[in-house]
Structures are given as structure tokens and as C-alpha cells.
Amino acid sequence: MARYRAIHTAELRSDVDPDEFERFMIDEFLSETNKLPGCLDAQLLRGYTGDLPGTARAKVDYAWISLWESAEANNRVWSRDGKHYTPESIMHVNARLHHYVASYSLVGGFEIVE
């Protein structure tokens, strides 16, 4: 069972086709993320832009959540010597992410409360 979740948000560049971005994220970016040791799943979320009363509109275009065995498992992948590190196995898709997004950020990591 996943004990830790990392949540990121992204704003698309104005010239990017959202369908193309979604295909990239699902077929490439999240697929590679899912292969990282300790990652149990990764999911793409599209920001809600509808107008249903009582339903909050998203402030960003997209978010993705990666589910990890633990905070320690996430840390083993994403840090070296106490500093952020991008694993070589994901560098190529991480670099391609910049083709699609104007900005992206890590909202933060969250541990499950039991």
C-alpha cells in the first residue's frame, strides 16, 4: 500500500495541444515514473474548468500524483547527498516535459494518516 504521495502541478504553454500533452504524460512521462524503484503508480489529473455550482474550478491546467511505498523510497530515487537529483533513467522525458509546460512545480509530499 502506498504510504507517500508527491503532487506536482503544470501550466501548459499557450501553443501546446492539450491532447498531445496528455499522450506524452501517459505514454512516456508517467510510464517512466512508474518504473522507478518504490513507485507504485503515477496518475495524470486534468484541471476542472466546468461551471457546476459548488464544484471548484482548478487553478492549474494539470497535476500529477506519484504514489510511493514510503517517503524514504521517494527520497532514495530523487536525492543524492542530501540534494535533489533526477535519475538518469527519467532525464530524457523530464527534459521533454519543458517542451509542453510554461511552468511546473512540486506542491509537496504527503504521508498517509492512519
C-alpha atoms as a PDB file:
ATOM      1  CA  MET A   1       0.000   0.000   0.000  1.00  0.00           C
ATOM      2  CA  ALA A   2       1.258   3.476  -0.880  1.00  0.00           C
ATOM      3  CA  ARG A   3       2.294   5.465   2.181  1.00  0.00           C
ATOM      4  CA  TYR A   4       3.516   8.627   0.438  1.00  0.00           C
ATOM      5  CA  ARG A   5       2.282  10.775  -2.429  1.00  0.00           C
ATOM      6  CA  ALA A   6       4.112  13.501  -4.330  1.00  0.00           C
ATOM      7  CA  ILE A   7       1.915  16.064  -6.074  1.00  0.00           C
ATOM      8  CA  HIS A   8       3.061  18.290  -8.956  1.00  0.00           C
ATOM      9  CA  THR A   9       1.165  20.907 -10.976  1.00  0.00           C
ATOM     10  CA  ALA A  10       1.739  22.185 -14.509  1.00  0.00           C
ATOM     11  CA  GLU A  11       0.647  25.086 -16.685  1.00  0.00           C
ATOM     12  CA  LEU A  12       0.790  24.368 -20.411  1.00  0.00           C
ATOM     13  CA  ARG A  13       2.482  26.678 -22.873  1.00  0.00           C
ATOM     14  CA  SER A  14      -0.086  28.537 -24.966  1.00  0.00           C
ATOM     15  CA  ASP A  15       0.977  26.788 -28.195  1.00  0.00           C
ATOM     16  CA  VAL A  16       0.652  23.245 -26.820  1.00  0.00           C
ATOM     17  CA  ASP A  17      -2.178  20.923 -27.807  1.00  0.00           C
ATOM     18  CA  PRO A  18      -3.600  19.500 -24.550  1.00  0.00           C
ATOM     19  CA  ASP A  19      -4.284  16.117 -26.198  1.00  0.00           C
ATOM     20  CA  GLU A  20      -0.635  15.857 -27.259  1.00  0.00           C
ATOM     21  CA  PHE A  21       0.490  16.740 -23.733  1.00  0.00           C
ATOM     22  CA  GLU A  22      -1.819  14.132 -22.218  1.00  0.00           C
ATOM     23  CA  ARG A  23      -0.491  11.428 -24.582  1.00  0.00           C
ATOM     24  CA  PHE A  24       3.099  12.361 -23.711  1.00  0.00           C
ATOM     25  CA  MET A  25       2.394  12.289 -19.995  1.00  0.00           C
ATOM     26  CA  ILE A  26       0.543   8.968 -20.013  1.00  0.00           C
ATOM     27  CA  ASP A  27       2.602   7.107 -22.617  1.00  0.00           C
ATOM     28  CA  GLU A  28       6.037   8.413 -21.729  1.00  0.00           C
ATOM     29  CA  PHE A  29       6.453  10.531 -18.597  1.00  0.00           C
ATOM     30  CA  LEU A  30       4.228   8.624 -16.184  1.00  0.00           C
ATOM     31  CA  SER A  31       5.198   5.312 -17.736  1.00  0.00           C
ATOM     32  CA  GLU A  32       8.861   6.028 -16.913  1.00  0.00           C
ATOM     33  CA  THR A  33       7.952   7.346 -13.465  1.00  0.00           C
ATOM     34  CA  ASN A  34       6.127   4.082 -12.731  1.00  0.00           C
ATOM     35  CA  LYS A  35       9.362   2.164 -13.405  1.00  0.00           C
ATOM     36  CA  LEU A  36      11.287   3.966 -10.651  1.00  0.00           C
ATOM     37  CA  PRO A  37      12.077   1.785  -7.633  1.00  0.00           C
ATOM     38  CA  GLY A  38       9.478   2.235  -4.910  1.00  0.00           C
ATOM     39  CA  CYS A  39       6.958   3.995  -7.167  1.00  0.00           C
ATOM     40  CA  LEU A  40       3.651   2.134  -7.103  1.00  0.00           C
ATOM     41  CA  ASP A  41       1.683   4.294  -9.542  1.00  0.00           C
ATOM     42  CA  ALA A  42       1.514   7.734 -11.139  1.00  0.00           C
ATOM     43  CA  GLN A  43      -1.630   9.449 -12.362  1.00  0.00           C
ATOM     44  CA  LEU A  44      -2.363  12.493 -14.506  1.00  0.00           C
ATOM     45  CA  LEU A  45      -5.153  14.862 -13.465  1.00  0.00           C
ATOM     46  CA  ARG A  46      -6.733  17.449 -15.779  1.00  0.00           C
ATOM     47  CA  GLY A  47      -7.857  20.641 -14.057  1.00  0.00           C
ATOM     48  CA  TYR A  48     -11.612  21.002 -13.872  1.00  0.00           C
ATOM     49  CA  THR A  49     -12.853  24.003 -15.881  1.00  0.00           C
ATOM     50  CA  GLY A  50     -16.606  23.403 -15.812  1.00  0.00           C
ATOM     51  CA  ASP A  51     -19.237  25.559 -14.202  1.00  0.00           C
ATOM     52  CA  LEU A  52     -21.198  23.238 -11.922  1.00  0.00           C
ATOM     53  CA  PRO A  53     -22.375  25.097  -8.807  1.00  0.00           C
ATOM     54  CA  GLY A  54     -20.436  24.048  -5.741  1.00  0.00           C
ATOM     55  CA  THR A  55     -17.666  22.372  -7.774  1.00  0.00           C
ATOM     56  CA  ALA A  56     -14.315  24.134  -7.537  1.00  0.00           C
ATOM     57  CA  ARG A  57     -12.517  25.084 -10.741  1.00  0.00           C
ATOM     58  CA  ALA A  58      -8.841  24.154 -10.900  1.00  0.00           C
ATOM     59  CA  LYS A  59      -6.261  26.923 -10.639  1.00  0.00           C
ATOM     60  CA  VAL A  60      -3.815  24.996 -12.845  1.00  0.00           C
ATOM     61  CA  ASP A  61      -4.087  23.101 -16.120  1.00  0.00           C
ATOM     62  CA  TYR A  62      -2.831  19.727 -14.875  1.00  0.00           C
ATOM     63  CA  ALA A  63      -1.474  17.887 -11.883  1.00  0.00           C
ATOM     64  CA  TRP A  64       0.142  14.517 -11.451  1.00  0.00           C
ATOM     65  CA  ILE A  65       0.406  12.366  -8.386  1.00  0.00           C
ATOM     66  CA  SER A  66       3.007   9.702  -7.837  1.00  0.00           C
ATOM     67  CA  LEU A  67       2.298   7.049  -5.218  1.00  0.00           C
ATOM     68  CA  TRP A  68       5.273   5.658  -3.306  1.00  0.00           C
ATOM     69  CA  GLU A  69       5.899   2.867  -0.843  1.00  0.00           C
ATOM     70  CA  SER A  70       7.175   5.467   1.626  1.00  0.00           C
ATOM     71  CA  ALA A  71       8.790   8.900   1.909  1.00  0.00           C
ATOM     72  CA  GLU A  72      12.125   7.066   2.192  1.00  0.00           C
ATOM     73  CA  ALA A  73      11.513   5.245  -1.110  1.00  0.00           C
ATOM     74  CA  ASN A  74      10.786   8.562  -2.815  1.00  0.00           C
ATOM     75  CA  ASN A  75      13.897  10.097  -1.269  1.00  0.00           C
ATOM     76  CA  ARG A  76      16.139   7.233  -2.434  1.00  0.00           C
ATOM     77  CA  VAL A  77      15.104   7.987  -6.031  1.00  0.00           C
ATOM     78  CA  TRP A  78      15.074  11.780  -6.021  1.00  0.00           C
ATOM     79  CA  SER A  79      18.051  12.777  -3.876  1.00  0.00           C
ATOM     80  CA  ARG A  80      21.792  12.217  -3.697  1.00  0.00           C
ATOM     81  CA  ASP A  81      23.961  13.502  -0.873  1.00  0.00           C
ATOM     82  CA  GLY A  82      21.014  15.499   0.502  1.00  0.00           C
ATOM     83  CA  LYS A  83      20.335  17.362  -2.759  1.00  0.00           C
ATOM     84  CA  HIS A  84      17.677  16.974  -5.458  1.00  0.00           C
ATOM     85  CA  TYR A  85      18.697  14.510  -8.134  1.00  0.00           C
ATOM     86  CA  THR A  86      16.956  13.457 -11.351  1.00  0.00           C
ATOM     87  CA  PRO A  87      17.563   9.772 -12.091  1.00  0.00           C
ATOM     88  CA  GLU A  88      19.270   9.160 -15.423  1.00  0.00           C
ATOM     89  CA  SER A  89      16.506   6.770 -16.458  1.00  0.00           C
ATOM     90  CA  ILE A  90      13.988   9.624 -16.491  1.00  0.00           C
ATOM     91  CA  MET A  91      16.158  12.550 -17.642  1.00  0.00           C
ATOM     92  CA  HIS A  92      15.060  12.261 -21.284  1.00  0.00           C
ATOM     93  CA  VAL A  93      11.316  12.513 -20.504  1.00  0.00           C
ATOM     94  CA  ASN A  94      11.894  15.099 -17.805  1.00  0.00           C
ATOM     95  CA  ALA A  95      13.680  17.273 -20.389  1.00  0.00           C
ATOM     96  CA  ARG A  96      10.808  16.783 -22.862  1.00  0.00           C
ATOM     97  CA  LEU A  97       8.353  17.992 -20.239  1.00  0.00           C
ATOM     98  CA  HIS A  98       9.761  21.516 -20.776  1.00  0.00           C
ATOM     99  CA  HIS A  99       8.570  21.370 -24.404  1.00  0.00           C
ATOM    100  CA  TYR A 100       4.983  21.302 -23.160  1.00  0.00           C
ATOM    101  CA  VAL A 101       4.839  23.339 -19.972  1.00  0.00           C
ATOM    102  CA  ALA A 102       5.320  27.009 -19.219  1.00  0.00           C
ATOM    103  CA  SER A 103       5.856  26.097 -15.584  1.00  0.00           C
ATOM    104  CA  TYR A 104       5.546  23.187 -13.232  1.00  0.00           C
ATOM    105  CA  SER A 105       6.054  22.840  -9.539  1.00  0.00           C
ATOM    106  CA  LEU A 106       6.078  20.372  -6.718  1.00  0.00           C
ATOM    107  CA  VAL A 107       3.145  21.105  -4.437  1.00  0.00           C
ATOM    108  CA  GLY A 108       4.680  18.780  -1.894  1.00  0.00           C
ATOM    109  CA  GLY A 109       4.877  15.316  -0.481  1.00  0.00           C
ATOM    110  CA  PHE A 110       2.136  13.873   1.670  1.00  0.00           C
ATOM    111  CA  GLU A 111       2.134  10.926   4.044  1.00  0.00           C
ATOM    112  CA  ILE A 112      -0.991   8.892   4.740  1.00  0.00           C
ATOM    113  CA  VAL A 113      -2.502   9.416   8.151  1.00  0.00           C
ATOM    114  CA  GLU A 114      -3.861   6.206   9.654  1.00  0.00           C
END
